[in-house]
C-alpha atoms as a PDB file:
ATOM      1  CA  MET A   1      99.455  94.639  79.043  1.00  0.00           C
ATOM      2  CA  ASP A   2     101.590  97.783  78.312  1.00  0.00           C
ATOM      3  CA  GLY A   3     103.910  95.449  80.299  1.00  0.00           C
ATOM      4  CA  LEU A   4     104.169  92.977  77.247  1.00  0.00           C
ATOM      5  CA  ASN A   5     105.556  95.833  74.973  1.00  0.00           C
ATOM      6  CA  HIS A   6     108.298  95.937  76.779  1.00  0.00           C
ATOM      7  CA  THR A   7     109.911  92.956  77.943  1.00  0.00           C
ATOM      8  CA  ARG A   8     112.990  91.601  77.284  1.00  0.00           C
ATOM      9  CA  VAL A   9     113.752  88.623  78.597  1.00  0.00           C
ATOM     10  CA  THR A  10     113.612  85.677  75.952  1.00  0.00           C
ATOM     11  CA  HIS A  11     113.874  82.177  78.666  1.00  0.00           C
ATOM     12  CA  PHE A  12     114.427  82.325  82.916  1.00  0.00           C
ATOM     13  CA  VAL A  13     117.226  80.130  83.940  1.00  0.00           C
ATOM     14  CA  PHE A  14     116.079  77.635  87.310  1.00  0.00           C
ATOM     15  CA  LEU A  15     118.086  77.308  90.190  1.00  0.00           C
ATOM     16  CA  GLY A  16     116.742  74.372  90.598  1.00  0.00           C
ATOM     17  CA  LEU A  17     116.446  72.088  94.013  1.00  0.00           C
ATOM     18  CA  THR A  18     120.303  72.116  94.330  1.00  0.00           C
ATOM     19  CA  SER A  19     123.520  72.869  92.673  1.00  0.00           C
ATOM     20  CA  ASP A  20     125.014  69.869  93.304  1.00  0.00           C
ATOM     21  CA  HIS A  21     125.508  67.559  90.290  1.00  0.00           C
ATOM     22  CA  ARG A  22     126.057  63.984  92.778  1.00  0.00           C
ATOM     23  CA  LEU A  23     122.805  64.804  94.217  1.00  0.00           C
ATOM     24  CA  GLU A  24     120.956  65.967  90.858  1.00  0.00           C
ATOM     25  CA  ARG A  25     122.189  62.071  89.937  1.00  0.00           C
ATOM     26  CA  ALA A  26     120.248  60.701  92.556  1.00  0.00           C
ATOM     27  CA  LEU A  27     117.372  63.037  93.467  1.00  0.00           C
ATOM     28  CA  PHE A  28     116.270  62.219  89.429  1.00  0.00           C
ATOM     29  CA  ALA A  29     116.348  58.602  90.782  1.00  0.00           C
ATOM     30  CA  ILE A  30     114.067  59.457  93.579  1.00  0.00           C
ATOM     31  CA  PHE A  31     112.420  61.668  91.541  1.00  0.00           C
ATOM     32  CA  CYS A  32     112.042  60.136  88.330  1.00  0.00           C
ATOM     33  CA  LEU A  33     110.433  56.406  90.766  1.00  0.00           C
ATOM     34  CA  MET A  34     107.929  59.111  92.041  1.00  0.00           C
ATOM     35  CA  TYR A  35     106.933  60.246  89.105  1.00  0.00           C
ATOM     36  CA  LEU A  36     106.172  56.095  87.642  1.00  0.00           C
ATOM     37  CA  LEU A  37     104.625  55.712  91.478  1.00  0.00           C
ATOM     38  CA  ILE A  38     102.005  58.841  90.606  1.00  0.00           C
ATOM     39  CA  LEU A  39     101.092  57.754  86.775  1.00  0.00           C
ATOM     40  CA  ALA A  40     100.958  53.748  87.996  1.00  0.00           C
ATOM     41  CA  GLY A  41      99.158  54.718  90.661  1.00  0.00           C
ATOM     42  CA  ASN A  42      96.639  57.280  89.563  1.00  0.00           C
ATOM     43  CA  LEU A  43      96.163  55.017  85.704  1.00  0.00           C
ATOM     44  CA  LEU A  44      94.934  51.997  88.415  1.00  0.00           C
ATOM     45  CA  ILE A  45      92.486  53.911  90.503  1.00  0.00           C
ATOM     46  CA  LEU A  46      90.628  55.647  87.165  1.00  0.00           C
ATOM     47  CA  VAL A  47      90.961  51.782  85.553  1.00  0.00           C
ATOM     48  CA  THR A  48      89.557  50.187  87.967  1.00  0.00           C
ATOM     49  CA  VAL A  49      86.628  53.077  88.597  1.00  0.00           C
ATOM     50  CA  ALA A  50      86.008  52.940  85.255  1.00  0.00           C
ATOM     51  CA  SER A  51      86.035  48.615  85.347  1.00  0.00           C
ATOM     52  CA  ASP A  52      83.760  48.386  88.381  1.00  0.00           C
ATOM     53  CA  PRO A  53      80.207  49.048  87.690  1.00  0.00           C
ATOM     54  CA  CYS A  54      80.025  48.755  91.957  1.00  0.00           C
ATOM     55  CA  LEU A  55      82.254  51.466  91.842  1.00  0.00           C
ATOM     56  CA  HIS A  56      79.968  54.374  90.196  1.00  0.00           C
ATOM     57  CA  THR A  57      79.582  55.990  92.223  1.00  0.00           C
ATOM     58  CA  PRO A  58      79.302  59.387  93.200  1.00  0.00           C
ATOM     59  CA  MET A  59      82.585  59.193  95.512  1.00  0.00           C
ATOM     60  CA  TYR A  60      84.600  57.543  93.307  1.00  0.00           C
ATOM     61  CA  PHE A  61      83.532  59.098  90.122  1.00  0.00           C
ATOM     62  CA  PHE A  62      85.151  61.741  92.274  1.00  0.00           C
ATOM     63  CA  LEU A  63      87.825  60.171  93.445  1.00  0.00           C
ATOM     64  CA  GLY A  64      88.577  59.115  89.559  1.00  0.00           C
ATOM     65  CA  ASN A  65      88.356  62.985  88.786  1.00  0.00           C
ATOM     66  CA  LEU A  66      91.361  63.110  91.547  1.00  0.00           C
ATOM     67  CA  SER A  67      93.293  60.763  89.856  1.00  0.00           C
ATOM     68  CA  PHE A  68      93.386  62.726  86.767  1.00  0.00           C
ATOM     69  CA  ILE A  69      93.891  66.061  88.279  1.00  0.00           C
ATOM     70  CA  ASP A  70      96.971  64.285  89.934  1.00  0.00           C
ATOM     71  CA  ILE A  71      98.348  62.964  86.749  1.00  0.00           C
ATOM     72  CA  CYS A  72      98.076  65.532  85.299  1.00  0.00           C
ATOM     73  CA  HIS A  73      99.272  68.519  87.849  1.00  0.00           C
ATOM     74  CA  SER A  74     102.320  66.500  88.248  1.00  0.00           C
ATOM     75  CA  SER A  75     103.415  66.161  84.832  1.00  0.00           C
ATOM     76  CA  VAL A  76     103.049  70.043  84.552  1.00  0.00           C
ATOM     77  CA  THR A  77     106.360  70.614  86.585  1.00  0.00           C
ATOM     78  CA  THR A  78     108.239  66.633  87.331  1.00  0.00           C
ATOM     79  CA  PRO A  79     109.335  66.265  83.267  1.00  0.00           C
ATOM     80  CA  LYS A  80     111.103  68.655  83.385  1.00  0.00           C
ATOM     81  CA  MET A  81     112.539  68.324  86.666  1.00  0.00           C
ATOM     82  CA  LEU A  82     113.687  65.616  85.617  1.00  0.00           C
ATOM     83  CA  LEU A  83     115.044  66.816  82.368  1.00  0.00           C
ATOM     84  CA  ASP A  84     116.735  69.698  84.450  1.00  0.00           C
ATOM     85  CA  PHE A  85     118.849  67.314  87.250  1.00  0.00           C
ATOM     86  CA  LEU A  86     120.690  65.767  83.629  1.00  0.00           C
ATOM     87  CA  SER A  87     120.948  69.180  82.097  1.00  0.00           C
ATOM     88  CA  ALA A  88     124.214  71.798  82.780  1.00  0.00           C
ATOM     89  CA  GLN A  89     122.003  75.164  81.761  1.00  0.00           C
ATOM     90  CA  LYS A  90     118.811  74.877  83.097  1.00  0.00           C
ATOM     91  CA  THR A  91     116.043  76.793  81.084  1.00  0.00           C
ATOM     92  CA  ILE A  92     113.116  77.217  79.679  1.00  0.00           C
ATOM     93  CA  SER A  93     111.616  79.416  77.494  1.00  0.00           C
ATOM     94  CA  PHE A  94     109.498  83.231  79.060  1.00  0.00           C
ATOM     95  CA  ASP A  95     106.507  80.902  77.229  1.00  0.00           C
ATOM     96  CA  GLY A  96     107.072  78.431  78.180  1.00  0.00           C
ATOM     97  CA  CYS A  97     107.107  79.540  81.724  1.00  0.00           C
ATOM     98  CA  LEU A  98     103.670  81.493  81.148  1.00  0.00           C
ATOM     99  CA  ALA A  99     102.429  77.801  80.013  1.00  0.00           C
ATOM    100  CA  GLN A 100     103.401  76.207  82.680  1.00  0.00           C
ATOM    101  CA  LEU A 101     103.165  78.605  84.907  1.00  0.00           C
ATOM    102  CA  PHE A 102      99.343  78.533  83.409  1.00  0.00           C
ATOM    103  CA  PHE A 103      98.492  74.434  83.756  1.00  0.00           C
ATOM    104  CA  LEU A 104      99.773  74.647  87.593  1.00  0.00           C
ATOM    105  CA  HIS A 105      97.404  77.264  88.375  1.00  0.00           C
ATOM    106  CA  LEU A 106      94.631  74.651  86.695  1.00  0.00           C
ATOM    107  CA  CYS A 107      95.232  71.880  88.796  1.00  0.00           C
ATOM    108  CA  ALA A 108      96.256  72.102  91.877  1.00  0.00           C
ATOM    109  CA  CYS A 109      92.911  75.443  92.013  1.00  0.00           C
ATOM    110  CA  ALA A 110      90.995  72.326  89.753  1.00  0.00           C
ATOM    111  CA  GLU A 111      92.167  69.849  92.666  1.00  0.00           C
ATOM    112  CA  ILE A 112      91.507  72.693  95.577  1.00  0.00           C
ATOM    113  CA  PHE A 113      88.050  72.554  95.394  1.00  0.00           C
ATOM    114  CA  LEU A 114      87.896  68.309  93.229  1.00  0.00           C
ATOM    115  CA  LEU A 115      88.619  68.082  97.226  1.00  0.00           C
ATOM    116  CA  THR A 116      85.739  70.940  98.503  1.00  0.00           C
ATOM    117  CA  ILE A 117      82.570  68.952  96.597  1.00  0.00           C
ATOM    118  CA  MET A 118      84.594  65.376  98.206  1.00  0.00           C
ATOM    119  CA  ALA A 119      84.022  67.131 101.848  1.00  0.00           C
ATOM    120  CA  TYR A 120      80.236  68.520 100.324  1.00  0.00           C
ATOM    121  CA  ASP A 121      80.302  64.537  99.247  1.00  0.00           C
ATOM    122  CA  ARG A 122      80.939  62.447 102.502  1.00  0.00           C
ATOM    123  CA  TYR A 123      78.690  64.951 104.739  1.00  0.00           C
ATOM    124  CA  ILE A 124      75.463  64.321 102.316  1.00  0.00           C
ATOM    125  CA  ALA A 125      75.975  61.171 102.698  1.00  0.00           C
ATOM    126  CA  ILE A 126      76.785  61.337 106.101  1.00  0.00           C
ATOM    127  CA  CYS A 127      74.475  63.833 107.843  1.00  0.00           C
ATOM    128  CA  HIS A 128      71.391  63.025 105.469  1.00  0.00           C
ATOM    129  CA  PRO A 129      71.486  59.837 103.587  1.00  0.00           C
ATOM    130  CA  LEU A 130      67.769  59.825 102.331  1.00  0.00           C
ATOM    131  CA  GLN A 131      69.055  62.996  99.915  1.00  0.00           C
ATOM    132  CA  TYR A 132      71.922  61.162  99.413  1.00  0.00           C
ATOM    133  CA  THR A 133      70.789  59.505  95.594  1.00  0.00           C
ATOM    134  CA  SER A 134      68.639  63.250  94.760  1.00  0.00           C
ATOM    135  CA  LEU A 135      71.608  65.797  95.701  1.00  0.00           C
ATOM    136  CA  MET A 136      73.672  63.497  94.850  1.00  0.00           C
ATOM    137  CA  SER A 137      73.507  62.375  90.954  1.00  0.00           C
ATOM    138  CA  LEU A 138      74.857  61.866  87.601  1.00  0.00           C
ATOM    139  CA  LYS A 139      73.679  64.820  86.153  1.00  0.00           C
ATOM    140  CA  VAL A 140      74.722  67.407  89.739  1.00  0.00           C
ATOM    141  CA  CYS A 141      78.021  65.219  89.938  1.00  0.00           C
ATOM    142  CA  THR A 142      78.838  66.202  86.526  1.00  0.00           C
ATOM    143  CA  TRP A 143      77.579  69.821  86.684  1.00  0.00           C
ATOM    144  CA  LEU A 144      80.343  70.514  89.943  1.00  0.00           C
ATOM    145  CA  VAL A 145      83.050  68.872  88.113  1.00  0.00           C
ATOM    146  CA  GLY A 146      82.061  71.147  85.124  1.00  0.00           C
ATOM    147  CA  ALA A 147      81.774  74.191  87.420  1.00  0.00           C
ATOM    148  CA  LEU A 148      84.907  73.657  89.104  1.00  0.00           C
ATOM    149  CA  TRP A 149      87.416  73.598  85.584  1.00  0.00           C
ATOM    150  CA  VAL A 150      85.614  76.568  84.553  1.00  0.00           C
ATOM    151  CA  GLY A 151      86.723  78.325  88.279  1.00  0.00           C
ATOM    152  CA  ALA A 152      89.955  76.880  87.977  1.00  0.00           C
ATOM    153  CA  THR A 153      90.843  78.530  84.121  1.00  0.00           C
ATOM    154  CA  VAL A 154      89.168  81.624  85.657  1.00  0.00           C
ATOM    155  CA  HIS A 155      91.612  82.208  88.447  1.00  0.00           C
ATOM    156  CA  SER A 156      94.450  80.585  86.340  1.00  0.00           C
ATOM    157  CA  LEU A 157      93.751  83.211  83.731  1.00  0.00           C
ATOM    158  CA  VAL A 158      94.127  85.506  86.110  1.00  0.00           C
ATOM    159  CA  GLN A 159      97.450  84.455  87.949  1.00  0.00           C
ATOM    160  CA  THR A 160      98.616  84.196  84.482  1.00  0.00           C
ATOM    161  CA  VAL A 161      97.331  87.618  83.458  1.00  0.00           C
ATOM    162  CA  LEU A 162      99.173  89.756  86.278  1.00  0.00           C
ATOM    163  CA  THR A 163     102.331  87.710  85.417  1.00  0.00           C
ATOM    164  CA  VAL A 164     102.445  88.633  81.788  1.00  0.00           C
ATOM    165  CA  ARG A 165     101.408  91.893  82.898  1.00  0.00           C
ATOM    166  CA  LEU A 166     104.716  93.132  84.469  1.00  0.00           C
ATOM    167  CA  PRO A 167     108.368  94.025  82.356  1.00  0.00           C
ATOM    168  CA  TYR A 168     110.769  91.529  81.808  1.00  0.00           C
ATOM    169  CA  CYS A 169     114.384  93.876  81.158  1.00  0.00           C
ATOM    170  CA  GLY A 170     116.958  92.669  83.156  1.00  0.00           C
ATOM    171  CA  PRO A 171     117.424  89.256  86.086  1.00  0.00           C
ATOM    172  CA  ASN A 172     116.022  85.661  84.577  1.00  0.00           C
ATOM    173  CA  VAL A 173     117.160  83.487  87.058  1.00  0.00           C
ATOM    174  CA  ILE A 174     114.134  81.528  88.458  1.00  0.00           C
ATOM    175  CA  ASP A 175     115.236  80.179  92.191  1.00  0.00           C
ATOM    176  CA  SER A 176     112.514  76.802  91.903  1.00  0.00           C
ATOM    177  CA  PHE A 177     112.491  74.204  89.257  1.00  0.00           C
ATOM    178  CA  PHE A 178     109.950  75.350  87.931  1.00  0.00           C
ATOM    179  CA  CYS A 179     107.479  78.507  87.362  1.00  0.00           C
ATOM    180  CA  ASP A 180     105.439  80.141  89.777  1.00  0.00           C
ATOM    181  CA  VAL A 181     103.822  83.888  90.460  1.00  0.00           C
ATOM    182  CA  PRO A 182     105.758  84.885  93.468  1.00  0.00           C
ATOM    183  CA  PRO A 183     109.220  83.282  92.514  1.00  0.00           C
ATOM    184  CA  VAL A 184     108.892  84.670  88.668  1.00  0.00           C
ATOM    185  CA  ILE A 185     107.400  88.876  89.459  1.00  0.00           C
ATOM    186  CA  LYS A 186     110.191  89.070  91.829  1.00  0.00           C
ATOM    187  CA  LEU A 187     111.930  89.577  88.636  1.00  0.00           C
ATOM    188  CA  ALA A 188     109.976  92.300  86.859  1.00  0.00           C
ATOM    189  CA  CYS A 189     111.341  95.470  86.495  1.00  0.00           C
ATOM    190  CA  THR A 190     108.706  97.071  89.203  1.00  0.00           C
ATOM    191  CA  ASP A 191     107.422  97.909  91.912  1.00  0.00           C
ATOM    192  CA  THR A 192     104.988  94.400  92.919  1.00  0.00           C
ATOM    193  CA  TYR A 193     103.933  94.978  95.854  1.00  0.00           C
ATOM    194  CA  LEU A 194     100.361  95.753  94.429  1.00  0.00           C
ATOM    195  CA  THR A 195     100.679  92.009  92.498  1.00  0.00           C
ATOM    196  CA  GLY A 196     101.261  89.998  95.510  1.00  0.00           C
ATOM    197  CA  VAL A 197      98.102  91.656  97.667  1.00  0.00           C
ATOM    198  CA  LEU A 198      96.517  90.193  94.417  1.00  0.00           C
ATOM    199  CA  ILE A 199      98.312  87.000  94.934  1.00  0.00           C
ATOM    200  CA  VAL A 200      97.236  86.803  98.380  1.00  0.00           C
ATOM    201  CA  SER A 201      93.720  87.618  97.659  1.00  0.00           C
ATOM    202  CA  ASN A 202      93.102  84.910  94.865  1.00  0.00           C
ATOM    203  CA  SER A 203      95.192  82.264  95.229  1.00  0.00           C
ATOM    204  CA  GLY A 204      95.686  82.146  99.093  1.00  0.00           C
ATOM    205  CA  MET A 205      92.006  83.468  99.603  1.00  0.00           C
ATOM    206  CA  ILE A 206      90.907  80.190  97.892  1.00  0.00           C
ATOM    207  CA  SER A 207      93.688  77.761  99.921  1.00  0.00           C
ATOM    208  CA  LEU A 208      92.146  78.760 103.274  1.00  0.00           C
ATOM    209  CA  VAL A 209      88.303  79.990 102.146  1.00  0.00           C
ATOM    210  CA  CYS A 210      88.348  75.658 101.001  1.00  0.00           C
ATOM    211  CA  PHE A 211      90.304  75.249 103.816  1.00  0.00           C
ATOM    212  CA  PHE A 212      88.067  76.594 106.803  1.00  0.00           C
ATOM    213  CA  ALA A 213      84.951  74.780 104.659  1.00  0.00           C
ATOM    214  CA  LEU A 214      86.250  71.868 104.044  1.00  0.00           C
ATOM    215  CA  LEU A 215      87.517  71.947 108.303  1.00  0.00           C
ATOM    216  CA  VAL A 216      82.932  73.195 109.116  1.00  0.00           C
ATOM    217  CA  SER A 217      82.065  70.373 106.783  1.00  0.00           C
ATOM    218  CA  TYR A 218      83.768  67.876 108.546  1.00  0.00           C
ATOM    219  CA  ILE A 219      83.058  69.112 112.246  1.00  0.00           C
ATOM    220  CA  ILE A 220      79.359  68.688 111.320  1.00  0.00           C
ATOM    221  CA  ILE A 221      80.540  64.979 109.940  1.00  0.00           C
ATOM    222  CA  LEU A 222      82.324  63.940 113.549  1.00  0.00           C
ATOM    223  CA  VAL A 223      79.007  65.819 115.308  1.00  0.00           C
ATOM    224  CA  SER A 224      76.728  63.745 113.307  1.00  0.00           C
ATOM    225  CA  LEU A 225      78.343  60.493 113.470  1.00  0.00           C
ATOM    226  CA  ARG A 226      77.225  60.053 117.557  1.00  0.00           C
ATOM    227  CA  ARG A 227      74.190  59.100 115.735  1.00  0.00           C
ATOM    228  CA  GLN A 228      75.218  56.071 113.879  1.00  0.00           C
ATOM    229  CA  THR A 229      76.191  52.860 114.619  1.00  0.00           C
ATOM    230  CA  ALA A 230      79.483  51.387 115.695  1.00  0.00           C
ATOM    231  CA  GLU A 231      80.298  49.864 112.263  1.00  0.00           C
ATOM    232  CA  GLY A 232      78.664  53.130 110.300  1.00  0.00           C
ATOM    233  CA  ARG A 233      81.811  55.524 112.507  1.00  0.00           C
ATOM    234  CA  ARG A 234      83.906  52.771 111.975  1.00  0.00           C
ATOM    235  CA  LYS A 235      83.577  53.351 107.761  1.00  0.00           C
ATOM    236  CA  ALA A 236      82.223  56.820 108.218  1.00  0.00           C
ATOM    237  CA  LEU A 237      85.689  58.215 109.695  1.00  0.00           C
ATOM    238  CA  SER A 238      87.618  55.883 108.193  1.00  0.00           C
ATOM    239  CA  THR A 239      86.644  57.371 104.909  1.00  0.00           C
ATOM    240  CA  CYS A 240      86.708  61.067 105.728  1.00  0.00           C
ATOM    241  CA  ALA A 241      90.449  60.457 107.494  1.00  0.00           C
ATOM    242  CA  SER A 242      91.362  58.829 103.967  1.00  0.00           C
ATOM    243  CA  HIS A 243      90.243  62.516 102.905  1.00  0.00           C
ATOM    244  CA  LEU A 244      91.774  64.837 105.631  1.00  0.00           C
ATOM    245  CA  LEU A 245      95.377  63.195 105.179  1.00  0.00           C
ATOM    246  CA  VAL A 246      94.863  64.543 101.041  1.00  0.00           C
ATOM    247  CA  VAL A 247      94.098  67.557 102.069  1.00  0.00           C
ATOM    248  CA  ALA A 248      96.825  68.428 104.547  1.00  0.00           C
ATOM    249  CA  LEU A 249      99.317  67.510 102.574  1.00  0.00           C
ATOM    250  CA  PHE A 250      98.138  69.192  99.652  1.00  0.00           C
ATOM    251  CA  LEU A 251      96.277  72.524 101.216  1.00  0.00           C
ATOM    252  CA  GLY A 252      99.384  72.841 103.401  1.00  0.00           C
ATOM    253  CA  PRO A 253     101.903  73.941 101.380  1.00  0.00           C
ATOM    254  CA  CYS A 254      99.254  75.777  99.755  1.00  0.00           C
ATOM    255  CA  ILE A 255      98.494  77.788 102.096  1.00  0.00           C
ATOM    256  CA  PHE A 256     102.427  77.865 103.215  1.00  0.00           C
ATOM    257  CA  ILE A 257     103.624  79.454  99.578  1.00  0.00           C
ATOM    258  CA  TYR A 258     100.671  81.360  98.613  1.00  0.00           C
ATOM    259  CA  THR A 259      99.426  83.378 101.426  1.00  0.00           C
ATOM    260  CA  ARG A 260     103.137  85.347 101.628  1.00  0.00           C
ATOM    261  CA  PRO A 261     103.987  85.380  98.910  1.00  0.00           C
ATOM    262  CA  ASP A 262     106.773  87.709 100.190  1.00  0.00           C
ATOM    263  CA  GLY A 263     108.281  85.055 102.088  1.00  0.00           C
ATOM    264  CA  SER A 264     111.609  82.899 102.044  1.00  0.00           C
ATOM    265  CA  LEU A 265     112.243  81.275  97.937  1.00  0.00           C
ATOM    266  CA  SER A 266     114.004  78.956  99.282  1.00  0.00           C
ATOM    267  CA  ALA A 267     111.743  77.396 101.204  1.00  0.00           C
ATOM    268  CA  ASP A 268     108.665  78.053  98.977  1.00  0.00           C
ATOM    269  CA  LYS A 269     110.609  75.542  96.859  1.00  0.00           C
ATOM    270  CA  VAL A 270     110.995  72.542  98.816  1.00  0.00           C
ATOM    271  CA  VAL A 271     107.658  73.138 100.224  1.00  0.00           C
ATOM    272  CA  ALA A 272     106.533  73.339  96.681  1.00  0.00           C
ATOM    273  CA  VAL A 273     108.287  69.526  96.538  1.00  0.00           C
ATOM    274  CA  PHE A 274     104.760  68.152  98.235  1.00  0.00           C
ATOM    275  CA  TYR A 275     101.817  69.726  96.825  1.00  0.00           C
ATOM    276  CA  THR A 276     103.189  68.873  93.054  1.00  0.00           C
ATOM    277  CA  VAL A 277     105.632  65.319  93.628  1.00  0.00           C
ATOM    278  CA  VAL A 278     104.832  64.018  96.736  1.00  0.00           C
ATOM    279  CA  THR A 279     101.058  64.230  97.550  1.00  0.00           C
ATOM    280  CA  PRO A 280     100.228  62.942  94.228  1.00  0.00           C
ATOM    281  CA  VAL A 281     101.558  59.604  95.100  1.00  0.00           C
ATOM    282  CA  PHE A 282     100.332  59.759  98.563  1.00  0.00           C
ATOM    283  CA  ASN A 283      96.468  59.947  97.139  1.00  0.00           C
ATOM    284  CA  PRO A 284      96.621  56.387  95.596  1.00  0.00           C
ATOM    285  CA  VAL A 285      97.786  54.497  99.035  1.00  0.00           C
ATOM    286  CA  ILE A 286      95.495  56.543 100.604  1.00  0.00           C
ATOM    287  CA  TYR A 287      92.548  56.132  99.065  1.00  0.00           C
ATOM    288  CA  THR A 288      93.263  52.427  98.002  1.00  0.00           C
ATOM    289  CA  LEU A 289      94.615  50.848 101.725  1.00  0.00           C
ATOM    290  CA  ARG A 290      91.625  52.885 103.958  1.00  0.00           C
ATOM    291  CA  ASN A 291      89.445  51.222 101.509  1.00  0.00           C
ATOM    292  CA  ALA A 292      88.334  47.509 100.630  1.00  0.00           C
ATOM    293  CA  GLU A 293      86.174  48.209  98.055  1.00  0.00           C
ATOM    294  CA  MET A 294      88.994  49.971  96.037  1.00  0.00           C
ATOM    295  CA  LYS A 295      90.856  47.103  97.067  1.00  0.00           C
ATOM    296  CA  ASN A 296      88.136  44.177  96.375  1.00  0.00           C
ATOM    297  CA  SER A 297      88.245  46.319  92.211  1.00  0.00           C
ATOM    298  CA  MET A 298      91.060  45.680  92.539  1.00  0.00           C
ATOM    299  CA  LYS A 299      91.525  42.223  93.118  1.00  0.00           C
ATOM    300  CA  LYS A 300      88.641  41.343  90.452  1.00  0.00           C
ATOM    301  CA  LEU A 301      90.379  43.298  88.380  1.00  0.00           C
ATOM    302  CA  ARG A 302      93.969  41.233  88.382  1.00  0.00           C
ATOM    303  CA  VAL A 303      91.888  37.878  88.089  1.00  0.00           C
ATOM    304  CA  GLN A 304      89.725  39.170  85.018  1.00  0.00           C
ATOM    305  CA  LYS A 305      92.803  39.684  83.376  1.00  0.00           C
ATOM    306  CA  ILE A 306      94.846  36.788  84.335  1.00  0.00           C
ATOM    307  CA  PHE A 307      91.301  35.263  83.165  1.00  0.00           C
ATOM    308  CA  PHE A 308      92.290  37.105  79.570  1.00  0.00           C
ATOM    309  CA  MET A 309      95.600  36.124  79.051  1.00  0.00           C
ATOM    310  CA  GLY A 310      94.933  32.685  79.802  1.00  0.00           C
ATOM    311  CA  MET A 311      92.533  32.932  77.276  1.00  0.00           C
END
């Protein structure tokens, strides 16, 4: 932690997504709408899952947690990005940058782990249906969610320590719209090759290992579906297709960025928009429009709301 004694930079300046002020106004409107959709869509899923006893199952328990993580994940970067669209000077304090970096990796890693757990849940449900109740009890699900937050916290602390231990004594302009390890460590007044290797071995390996675990689990599921009835195959494929689409939208950009920390930062910040803003918007759509149980529960919730308003 000697690098802390040499830190001179007190704040960082973001270059943002564009320098065109008219385009910034248009982007503000677009991303503001998307952020409101993230909050509304994911809150709707949380309320629906909590209010309908029929959805008190492991799959929807994990879906509710995914919605909570999506709200937190997008809230780490999007409000600041929206504020910067309207500001001439896009600055963030050194401590604020570290806090954003920490919570960004906390939420991103938690989501990666949760998507992996959701794949495991589908594997047990489809391949071992008779043992599903015992293998995926409420206690087991709670322990799995607790473990993913512990793992995500450890990962995030490692990333933050790797960043804060470096000396920052000169340039303070970040070619991005939020603080992340790759663009921040490029501003350090020392050789960051070893830190870059550690980033790949930490963030990159987590993304790749979870991706291959997901891939293997779904290959096994697809093979096992040959023994299912036509209706069983249709329902299983619908659920798995939704999950795979979310995995592709989220893990794809993460793998692109964190397995190549020396890549183009201009390309990285465009790709980062997908997993910080776009994916949290699509998750509620993907998991509700393709899910009959969720749609029925939302209809019941709407009827109950109308009934109570009319009383």
